[in-house]
Amino acid sequence: MAAVWPAKLGPVTVIIGEFGSGKTEVAINCVLAAAMRGQPVTLVDLDTVTPAFRSRQAAEQLTRAGVRLVAPEGELADADLPAISSEVHAALADRRRAVVIDVGGSPSGARAVSSLADLTGGEGAACWVVVNPWRPTTANPRLVAGTVTQLAATARAGAAEVLANLYVPQDVADAGAMLARGYEAVSLGAGLAGLPLRLCSVRRELASLAEGILPSSVAVLPLDLFMQPPWDVGLEPLAQAQEPGSARLAARVMPGPGHGQPAEVAAAAAAAAAVSKITGRLEHG
């Protein structure tokens, strides 16, 4: 049985992933959770690839929670240039605060952070490669392995680990089965790549369900959504996916923990059994 992520960050955590992986939501939720527990945190927004989904869009909520945000300002706020400012170097040199770097969603984004390898590859540094198993480019273990291997090698930042973003839309009837299928794809892919899978992010309302399904080797990161996730488009009508971004951002400042849905918990036992078989295959394969 999995446990909720303890919201403790190492000195430097680089978060990378392909477009639509959900890495920016993961970055925002990680720093907010750590800040809520009293850890001083700086979030560096180096996303130069996905201008529609950047950490800086949640600047007000991050500042309110005590998170220091390092991001381009003024005319450079929406630029697509991988500019590494002196402020970024200063943030990485300040070991009094944990630093999380949100990197652009492609190999070119990973290359932007590789220039900081001397500051992001030290002791305790980590590189989280976020994988969304519902995206076409990471839809099976072989594709997952290729993606995480390429991104981790390009970024050259800390010890690489895989984070499975098991976001399940609200209108999915059997969320437990979908969580199990997503975990299977990512865990097998991580195994092929020789990288550990230590963290799985899920919609906050499904956190309790995920804890009962996933193995104890992984932790569960409950997600509150701060921007319209691109992977929702096509899974449910865009008009119903989320309320307008500005209203959602104003309402999201780490609400209390959610609970598993009764209808979904009914399917949890079967899903947990499926995951148990998967982990057994990984341990003995």
Protein backbone atom coordinates (compact mmCIF):
# COMPACT_ATOMS: atom_id res chain seq x y z
CA MET A 1 0.00 0.00 0.00
CA ALA A 2 1.37 3.38 -0.98
CA ALA A 3 1.65 6.41 1.30
CA VAL A 4 1.20 10.10 0.59
CA TRP A 5 4.41 11.89 -0.44
CA PRO A 6 5.93 13.46 2.71
CA ALA A 7 6.44 16.82 0.95
CA LYS A 8 10.17 16.97 1.62
CA LEU A 9 12.42 18.22 -1.20
CA GLY A 10 16.13 17.74 -1.67
CA PRO A 11 18.49 20.66 -2.35
CA VAL A 12 17.80 20.69 -6.12
CA THR A 13 15.01 18.95 -8.03
CA VAL A 14 14.82 19.33 -11.81
CA ILE A 15 11.39 18.42 -13.18
CA ILE A 16 11.27 17.60 -16.88
CA GLY A 17 8.79 15.89 -19.18
CA GLU A 18 7.28 16.03 -22.62
CA PHE A 19 4.54 18.46 -23.57
CA GLY A 20 1.31 17.36 -21.91
CA SER A 21 3.06 15.26 -19.26
CA GLY A 22 1.81 17.54 -16.49
CA LYS A 23 5.26 18.49 -15.23
CA THR A 24 4.25 22.09 -14.47
CA GLU A 25 1.29 20.97 -12.35
CA VAL A 26 3.64 18.58 -10.56
CA ALA A 27 6.20 21.32 -9.96
CA ILE A 28 3.63 23.74 -8.57
CA ASN A 29 2.05 21.14 -6.30
CA CYS A 30 5.42 19.93 -5.00
CA VAL A 31 6.66 23.36 -3.99
CA LEU A 32 3.33 24.33 -2.43
CA ALA A 33 3.19 21.11 -0.42
CA ALA A 34 6.76 21.58 0.83
CA ALA A 35 6.14 25.23 1.67
CA MET A 36 3.01 24.32 3.62
CA ARG A 37 5.21 22.08 5.77
CA GLY A 38 7.60 24.93 6.44
CA GLN A 39 10.41 24.13 4.02
CA PRO A 40 11.90 27.21 2.31
CA VAL A 41 11.47 26.65 -1.43
CA THR A 42 12.38 28.44 -4.65
CA LEU A 43 10.69 27.56 -7.93
CA VAL A 44 12.70 28.37 -11.06
CA ASP A 45 10.58 28.58 -14.20
CA LEU A 46 12.76 27.60 -17.16
CA ASP A 47 9.88 26.44 -19.35
CA THR A 48 10.79 27.93 -22.71
CA VAL A 49 8.84 25.38 -24.73
CA THR A 50 5.22 25.56 -23.60
CA PRO A 51 4.16 29.23 -23.34
CA ALA A 52 0.54 28.33 -22.53
CA PHE A 53 1.43 26.33 -19.41
CA ARG A 54 4.14 27.86 -17.25
CA SER A 55 4.70 27.94 -13.49
CA ARG A 56 4.80 31.73 -13.55
CA GLN A 57 1.06 31.73 -14.30
CA ALA A 58 0.49 30.76 -10.65
CA ALA A 59 2.79 33.48 -9.32
CA GLU A 60 0.20 34.95 -6.97
CA GLN A 61 -0.59 31.63 -5.31
CA LEU A 62 3.07 30.69 -5.03
CA THR A 63 4.03 34.01 -3.46
CA ARG A 64 1.14 33.81 -1.02
CA ALA A 65 2.37 30.39 0.13
CA GLY A 66 5.90 31.70 0.71
CA VAL A 67 7.44 30.15 -2.41
CA ARG A 68 10.03 32.32 -4.11
CA LEU A 69 9.46 32.34 -7.87
CA VAL A 70 12.34 32.99 -10.25
CA ALA A 71 10.99 33.66 -13.73
CA PRO A 72 11.40 36.17 -16.57
CA GLU A 73 9.50 39.39 -16.03
CA GLY A 74 8.15 42.20 -18.16
CA GLU A 75 8.61 41.74 -21.90
CA LEU A 76 10.54 38.50 -21.32
CA ALA A 77 7.71 36.87 -19.34
CA ASP A 78 6.27 35.20 -22.45
CA ALA A 79 9.48 34.85 -24.43
CA ASP A 80 10.46 31.51 -25.89
CA LEU A 81 14.18 32.07 -25.33
CA PRO A 82 16.09 29.75 -22.97
CA ALA A 83 17.64 32.67 -21.09
CA ILE A 84 19.50 31.59 -17.93
CA SER A 85 19.67 34.73 -15.82
CA SER A 86 22.07 35.55 -13.01
CA GLU A 87 19.08 35.23 -10.68
CA VAL A 88 18.81 31.54 -11.58
CA HIS A 89 22.48 31.00 -10.77
CA ALA A 90 22.04 32.85 -7.47
CA ALA A 91 19.01 30.72 -6.53
CA LEU A 92 20.91 27.50 -7.19
CA ALA A 93 23.87 28.73 -5.17
CA ASP A 94 21.64 29.48 -2.14
CA ARG A 95 21.59 26.18 -0.27
CA ARG A 96 19.33 27.58 2.46
CA ARG A 97 16.34 26.94 0.21
CA ALA A 98 15.29 23.86 -1.75
CA VAL A 99 15.20 24.65 -5.46
CA VAL A 100 12.76 23.13 -7.94
CA ILE A 101 13.34 23.82 -11.64
CA ASP A 102 10.42 23.52 -14.06
CA VAL A 103 12.02 22.76 -17.42
CA GLY A 104 10.47 22.97 -20.90
CA GLY A 105 8.67 19.91 -22.21
CA SER A 106 11.01 18.58 -24.89
CA PRO A 107 14.66 17.65 -25.43
CA SER A 108 15.34 21.31 -26.28
CA GLY A 109 13.92 22.27 -22.90
CA ALA A 110 16.10 19.68 -21.21
CA ARG A 111 19.14 21.12 -23.00
CA ALA A 112 18.36 24.52 -21.45
CA VAL A 113 19.01 23.13 -17.97
CA SER A 114 22.03 21.08 -19.04
CA SER A 115 24.07 24.30 -19.08
CA LEU A 116 23.55 24.38 -15.30
CA ALA A 117 24.91 20.87 -14.76
CA ASP A 118 27.64 22.12 -12.44
CA LEU A 119 24.92 23.45 -10.09
CA THR A 120 22.19 20.83 -10.57
CA GLY A 121 24.26 17.67 -10.38
CA GLY A 122 25.60 17.87 -6.84
CA GLU A 123 24.94 15.64 -3.85
CA GLY A 124 21.25 15.18 -3.14
CA ALA A 125 20.18 16.60 -6.51
CA ALA A 126 17.41 14.81 -8.37
CA CYS A 127 15.94 14.84 -11.86
CA TRP A 128 12.29 13.83 -11.98
CA VAL A 129 11.15 12.75 -15.45
CA VAL A 130 7.37 13.12 -15.53
CA VAL A 131 5.52 10.59 -17.69
CA ASN A 132 1.84 10.71 -18.60
CA PRO A 133 0.86 7.26 -19.92
CA TRP A 134 -2.16 8.69 -21.75
CA ARG A 135 0.01 10.65 -24.20
CA PRO A 136 0.75 9.01 -27.59
CA THR A 137 4.53 9.34 -27.19
CA THR A 138 4.50 7.49 -23.83
CA ALA A 139 1.58 5.12 -24.37
CA ASN A 140 3.48 1.85 -23.81
CA PRO A 141 6.54 0.69 -21.84
CA ARG A 142 8.90 0.83 -24.82
CA LEU A 143 7.96 4.44 -25.58
CA VAL A 144 8.20 5.36 -21.89
CA ALA A 145 11.71 3.90 -21.69
CA GLY A 146 12.90 5.77 -24.76
CA THR A 147 11.45 9.08 -23.59
CA VAL A 148 12.80 9.02 -20.04
CA THR A 149 16.23 7.86 -21.18
CA GLN A 150 16.53 10.67 -23.73
CA LEU A 151 15.29 13.44 -21.43
CA ALA A 152 17.40 12.38 -18.43
CA ALA A 153 20.55 12.08 -20.56
CA THR A 154 19.96 15.48 -22.16
CA ALA A 155 19.26 17.32 -18.92
CA ARG A 156 22.37 15.98 -17.13
CA ALA A 157 20.85 17.00 -13.80
CA GLY A 158 21.10 14.91 -10.65
CA ALA A 159 19.97 11.34 -10.07
CA ALA A 160 17.21 10.52 -12.55
CA GLU A 161 13.91 9.12 -11.27
CA VAL A 162 10.57 8.59 -12.99
CA LEU A 163 7.35 10.20 -11.80
CA ALA A 164 4.11 8.73 -13.16
CA ASN A 165 1.44 11.36 -13.65
CA LEU A 166 -1.66 9.18 -13.40
CA TYR A 167 -4.17 11.94 -13.92
CA VAL A 168 -7.65 10.47 -14.45
CA PRO A 169 -10.43 12.76 -15.74
CA GLN A 170 -13.49 13.20 -13.59
CA ASP A 171 -15.87 11.46 -16.00
CA VAL A 172 -14.02 8.11 -16.03
CA ALA A 173 -16.24 5.47 -14.42
CA ASP A 174 -13.58 2.97 -13.32
CA ALA A 175 -10.76 5.21 -12.10
CA GLY A 176 -9.09 2.36 -10.23
CA ALA A 177 -8.63 0.27 -13.35
CA MET A 178 -7.28 3.27 -15.25
CA LEU A 179 -4.79 4.00 -12.46
CA ALA A 180 -3.60 0.38 -12.55
CA ARG A 181 -3.14 0.42 -16.34
CA GLY A 182 -1.23 3.68 -16.22
CA TYR A 183 1.01 2.46 -13.42
CA GLU A 184 1.75 -0.74 -15.35
CA ALA A 185 2.87 1.14 -18.47
CA VAL A 186 5.11 3.58 -16.60
CA SER A 187 6.59 1.08 -14.15
CA LEU A 188 7.52 -1.38 -16.88
CA GLY A 189 8.96 1.46 -18.98
CA ALA A 190 11.00 2.75 -16.06
CA GLY A 191 12.28 -0.78 -15.49
CA LEU A 192 13.36 -1.05 -19.12
CA ALA A 193 15.22 2.25 -18.77
CA GLY A 194 16.86 1.14 -15.54
CA LEU A 195 15.38 4.07 -13.60
CA PRO A 196 13.42 3.97 -10.33
CA LEU A 197 9.75 4.91 -10.18
CA ARG A 198 9.24 6.53 -6.80
CA LEU A 199 6.31 8.93 -7.12
CA CYS A 200 2.85 8.86 -8.69
CA SER A 201 0.70 11.96 -8.96
CA VAL A 202 -3.09 11.71 -9.03
CA ARG A 203 -6.04 14.04 -8.84
CA ARG A 204 -6.50 14.91 -5.15
CA GLU A 205 -9.93 13.33 -5.03
CA LEU A 206 -8.37 9.99 -6.01
CA ALA A 207 -5.45 10.06 -3.57
CA SER A 208 -7.02 7.62 -1.09
CA LEU A 209 -7.97 5.27 -3.91
CA ALA A 210 -4.43 5.39 -5.30
CA GLU A 211 -2.93 4.64 -1.88
CA GLY A 212 -4.90 1.39 -1.78
CA ILE A 213 -3.95 0.37 -5.33
CA LEU A 214 -0.30 1.31 -5.70
CA PRO A 215 2.58 -0.58 -4.02
CA SER A 216 4.53 0.66 -1.02
CA SER A 217 7.56 1.32 -3.21
CA VAL A 218 5.95 4.51 -4.52
CA ALA A 219 4.49 7.60 -2.87
CA VAL A 220 1.32 9.41 -3.92
CA LEU A 221 1.36 13.11 -4.75
CA PRO A 222 -2.18 14.58 -4.63
CA LEU A 223 -2.65 17.13 -7.41
CA ASP A 224 -4.70 20.33 -7.38
CA LEU A 225 -5.01 21.67 -10.92
CA PHE A 226 -3.81 25.21 -11.53
CA MET A 227 -4.23 25.35 -15.30
CA GLN A 228 -6.17 23.54 -17.98
CA PRO A 229 -4.15 20.35 -18.52
CA PRO A 230 -3.58 19.70 -22.22
CA TRP A 231 -4.06 15.94 -21.76
CA ASP A 232 -7.72 16.56 -20.78
CA VAL A 233 -8.54 17.76 -24.28
CA GLY A 234 -10.14 14.90 -26.16
CA LEU A 235 -10.86 12.87 -23.02
CA GLU A 236 -13.73 15.12 -22.03
CA PRO A 237 -15.34 18.17 -23.65
CA LEU A 238 -13.15 21.21 -23.22
CA ALA A 239 -16.10 23.27 -22.11
CA GLN A 240 -16.66 20.92 -19.17
CA ALA A 241 -13.03 20.24 -18.31
CA GLN A 242 -12.40 23.10 -15.88
CA GLU A 243 -13.73 26.47 -14.91
CA PRO A 244 -11.90 29.50 -16.41
CA GLY A 245 -8.24 29.66 -15.45
CA SER A 246 -8.38 32.95 -13.54
CA ALA A 247 -11.21 31.78 -11.29
CA ARG A 248 -9.54 28.44 -10.72
CA LEU A 249 -6.22 30.01 -9.81
CA ALA A 250 -7.88 32.34 -7.33
CA ALA A 251 -9.59 29.40 -5.64
CA ARG A 252 -6.57 27.06 -5.45
CA VAL A 253 -4.35 27.51 -2.42
CA MET A 254 -3.77 23.92 -1.36
CA PRO A 255 -7.26 22.83 -0.18
CA GLY A 256 -7.51 20.06 2.37
CA PRO A 257 -6.89 16.41 1.51
CA GLY A 258 -9.55 14.71 -0.58
CA HIS A 259 -10.99 11.25 -0.15
CA GLY A 260 -11.57 8.34 -2.49
CA GLN A 261 -14.92 8.19 -4.27
CA PRO A 262 -17.19 5.42 -2.87
CA ALA A 263 -18.03 4.08 -6.34
CA GLU A 264 -14.35 4.01 -7.24
CA VAL A 265 -13.24 2.36 -4.00
CA ALA A 266 -15.44 -0.60 -4.89
CA ALA A 267 -13.10 -1.38 -7.78
CA ALA A 268 -9.90 -0.76 -5.81
CA ALA A 269 -9.36 -4.37 -4.68
CA ALA A 270 -9.30 -5.70 -8.24
CA ALA A 271 -7.01 -2.90 -9.37
CA ALA A 272 -4.68 -3.49 -6.43
CA ALA A 273 -4.43 -7.16 -7.35
CA ALA A 274 -3.48 -6.20 -10.89
CA VAL A 275 -0.73 -3.91 -9.63
CA SER A 276 0.52 -6.63 -7.29
CA LYS A 277 1.05 -8.89 -10.30
CA ILE A 278 2.86 -6.09 -12.12
CA THR A 279 5.28 -5.43 -9.25
CA GLY A 280 5.89 -9.15 -8.85
CA ARG A 281 6.87 -9.32 -12.51
CA LEU A 282 9.27 -6.43 -12.06
CA GLU A 283 10.91 -7.95 -8.98
CA HIS A 284 11.35 -11.42 -10.46
CA GLY A 285 11.62 -10.64 -14.18
